[in-house]
Amino acid sequence: MLLDRLPQLVSAYALASAAALPLYGKLCDTFGAKRVLLAAVGVFLLGSVLCGAATDMG
């Protein structure tokens, strides 16, 4: 069930966002904000497609 795994999902999201923020800052300094934003949107779209194709949460 989704509710059984909700604390794990929230913890994973918080950890990933805390780790990604300084990384995105450095990447923006190196490559420019527009390129990093477009790459982030691409990664988001790829993740959305993969999640949509999943048959279950496991």
N, C-alpha and C. Protein backbone atom coordinates (compact mmCIF):
# COMPACT_ATOMS: atom_id res chain seq x y z
N MET A 1 0.83 -1.19 0.00
CA MET A 1 0.00 0.00 0.00
C MET A 1 0.87 1.25 0.00
N LEU A 2 0.31 2.28 -0.54
CA LEU A 2 1.03 3.55 -0.61
C LEU A 2 1.26 4.16 0.76
N LEU A 3 0.26 4.07 1.62
CA LEU A 3 0.38 4.70 2.93
C LEU A 3 1.44 4.02 3.80
N ASP A 4 1.73 2.76 3.56
CA ASP A 4 2.76 2.07 4.32
C ASP A 4 4.15 2.59 3.97
N ARG A 5 4.32 3.02 2.74
CA ARG A 5 5.64 3.48 2.28
C ARG A 5 5.78 5.00 2.26
N LEU A 6 4.77 5.71 2.67
CA LEU A 6 4.81 7.17 2.63
C LEU A 6 5.95 7.77 3.44
N PRO A 7 6.24 7.33 4.66
CA PRO A 7 7.39 7.90 5.38
C PRO A 7 8.72 7.69 4.65
N GLN A 8 8.87 6.55 3.99
CA GLN A 8 10.10 6.32 3.22
C GLN A 8 10.20 7.27 2.05
N LEU A 9 9.08 7.52 1.38
CA LEU A 9 9.08 8.44 0.25
C LEU A 9 9.41 9.86 0.68
N VAL A 10 8.84 10.30 1.78
CA VAL A 10 9.10 11.66 2.27
C VAL A 10 10.56 11.80 2.68
N SER A 11 11.10 10.81 3.35
CA SER A 11 12.50 10.86 3.76
C SER A 11 13.43 10.85 2.55
N ALA A 12 13.14 10.04 1.55
CA ALA A 12 13.96 9.98 0.35
C ALA A 12 13.91 11.31 -0.39
N TYR A 13 12.73 11.93 -0.48
CA TYR A 13 12.61 13.22 -1.15
C TYR A 13 13.41 14.29 -0.41
N ALA A 14 13.31 14.33 0.91
CA ALA A 14 14.03 15.33 1.69
C ALA A 14 15.54 15.16 1.55
N LEU A 15 16.00 13.94 1.59
CA LEU A 15 17.43 13.68 1.45
C LEU A 15 17.93 14.06 0.06
N ALA A 16 17.17 13.69 -0.96
CA ALA A 16 17.58 13.99 -2.33
C ALA A 16 17.58 15.50 -2.60
N SER A 17 16.60 16.20 -2.09
CA SER A 17 16.57 17.64 -2.33
C SER A 17 17.68 18.36 -1.57
N ALA A 18 18.00 17.90 -0.38
CA ALA A 18 19.09 18.51 0.38
C ALA A 18 20.44 18.25 -0.29
N ALA A 19 20.60 17.10 -0.91
CA ALA A 19 21.87 16.79 -1.59
C ALA A 19 21.97 17.48 -2.94
N ALA A 20 20.84 17.70 -3.61
CA ALA A 20 20.87 18.24 -4.96
C ALA A 20 21.02 19.76 -5.00
N LEU A 21 20.59 20.45 -3.97
CA LEU A 21 20.62 21.91 -3.99
C LEU A 21 22.02 22.48 -4.18
N PRO A 22 23.02 22.09 -3.40
CA PRO A 22 24.37 22.62 -3.65
C PRO A 22 24.94 22.18 -5.00
N LEU A 23 24.57 20.98 -5.42
CA LEU A 23 25.03 20.49 -6.72
C LEU A 23 24.50 21.35 -7.84
N TYR A 24 23.21 21.67 -7.81
CA TYR A 24 22.63 22.53 -8.84
C TYR A 24 23.24 23.93 -8.81
N GLY A 25 23.56 24.43 -7.64
CA GLY A 25 24.22 25.74 -7.54
C GLY A 25 25.57 25.74 -8.23
N LYS A 26 26.35 24.71 -7.99
CA LYS A 26 27.66 24.61 -8.62
C LYS A 26 27.54 24.43 -10.14
N LEU A 27 26.57 23.59 -10.55
CA LEU A 27 26.36 23.38 -11.98
C LEU A 27 25.92 24.67 -12.67
N CYS A 28 25.10 25.47 -12.01
CA CYS A 28 24.67 26.75 -12.58
C CYS A 28 25.85 27.70 -12.73
N ASP A 29 26.76 27.70 -11.77
CA ASP A 29 27.95 28.52 -11.89
C ASP A 29 28.84 28.07 -13.04
N THR A 30 28.89 26.78 -13.27
CA THR A 30 29.78 26.23 -14.30
C THR A 30 29.19 26.31 -15.69
N PHE A 31 27.93 25.89 -15.86
CA PHE A 31 27.33 25.75 -17.19
C PHE A 31 26.30 26.82 -17.53
N GLY A 32 25.83 27.56 -16.55
CA GLY A 32 24.79 28.55 -16.79
C GLY A 32 23.44 28.01 -16.37
N ALA A 33 22.61 28.92 -15.91
CA ALA A 33 21.33 28.52 -15.34
C ALA A 33 20.38 27.94 -16.38
N LYS A 34 20.40 28.47 -17.59
CA LYS A 34 19.46 27.99 -18.61
C LYS A 34 19.73 26.54 -18.98
N ARG A 35 20.99 26.18 -19.17
CA ARG A 35 21.33 24.80 -19.51
C ARG A 35 20.98 23.84 -18.39
N VAL A 36 21.27 24.25 -17.16
CA VAL A 36 20.97 23.39 -16.01
C VAL A 36 19.47 23.22 -15.84
N LEU A 37 18.70 24.29 -16.05
CA LEU A 37 17.25 24.21 -15.95
C LEU A 37 16.70 23.26 -17.02
N LEU A 38 17.17 23.38 -18.24
CA LEU A 38 16.70 22.49 -19.31
C LEU A 38 17.08 21.04 -19.03
N ALA A 39 18.26 20.80 -18.50
CA ALA A 39 18.66 19.44 -18.14
C ALA A 39 17.79 18.90 -17.01
N ALA A 40 17.48 19.74 -16.03
CA ALA A 40 16.63 19.31 -14.92
C ALA A 40 15.22 18.97 -15.40
N VAL A 41 14.70 19.77 -16.32
CA VAL A 41 13.38 19.48 -16.88
C VAL A 41 13.42 18.16 -17.64
N GLY A 42 14.50 17.91 -18.38
CA GLY A 42 14.63 16.65 -19.10
C GLY A 42 14.69 15.45 -18.17
N VAL A 43 15.43 15.58 -17.08
CA VAL A 43 15.50 14.50 -16.10
C VAL A 43 14.14 14.27 -15.45
N PHE A 44 13.43 15.36 -15.17
CA PHE A 44 12.09 15.24 -14.59
C PHE A 44 11.15 14.53 -15.55
N LEU A 45 11.19 14.89 -16.82
CA LEU A 45 10.32 14.25 -17.79
C LEU A 45 10.65 12.77 -17.95
N LEU A 46 11.93 12.44 -17.97
CA LEU A 46 12.33 11.04 -18.05
C LEU A 46 11.83 10.26 -16.84
N GLY A 47 11.98 10.83 -15.65
CA GLY A 47 11.49 10.18 -14.44
C GLY A 47 9.98 10.02 -14.44
N SER A 48 9.28 11.02 -14.97
CA SER A 48 7.82 10.93 -15.05
C SER A 48 7.38 9.82 -15.99
N VAL A 49 8.07 9.68 -17.11
CA VAL A 49 7.74 8.61 -18.05
C VAL A 49 8.00 7.24 -17.42
N LEU A 50 9.13 7.11 -16.74
CA LEU A 50 9.44 5.83 -16.09
C LEU A 50 8.43 5.51 -14.99
N CYS A 51 8.04 6.51 -14.23
CA CYS A 51 7.04 6.26 -13.17
C CYS A 51 5.69 5.92 -13.78
N GLY A 52 5.35 6.54 -14.88
CA GLY A 52 4.09 6.21 -15.54
C GLY A 52 4.08 4.82 -16.13
N ALA A 53 5.24 4.32 -16.50
CA ALA A 53 5.32 2.99 -17.09
C ALA A 53 5.39 1.88 -16.03
N ALA A 54 5.60 2.24 -14.78
CA ALA A 54 5.71 1.24 -13.72
C ALA A 54 4.35 0.58 -13.47
N THR A 55 4.40 -0.70 -13.18
CA THR A 55 3.16 -1.41 -12.91
C THR A 55 2.77 -1.38 -11.44
N ASP A 56 3.74 -1.23 -10.54
CA ASP A 56 3.44 -1.10 -9.12
C ASP A 56 4.54 -0.27 -8.46
N MET A 57 4.34 0.05 -7.20
CA MET A 57 5.28 0.93 -6.52
C MET A 57 6.59 0.23 -6.17
N GLY A 58 6.57 -1.05 -6.09
CA GLY A 58 7.79 -1.80 -5.77
C GLY A 58 8.79 -1.73 -6.88
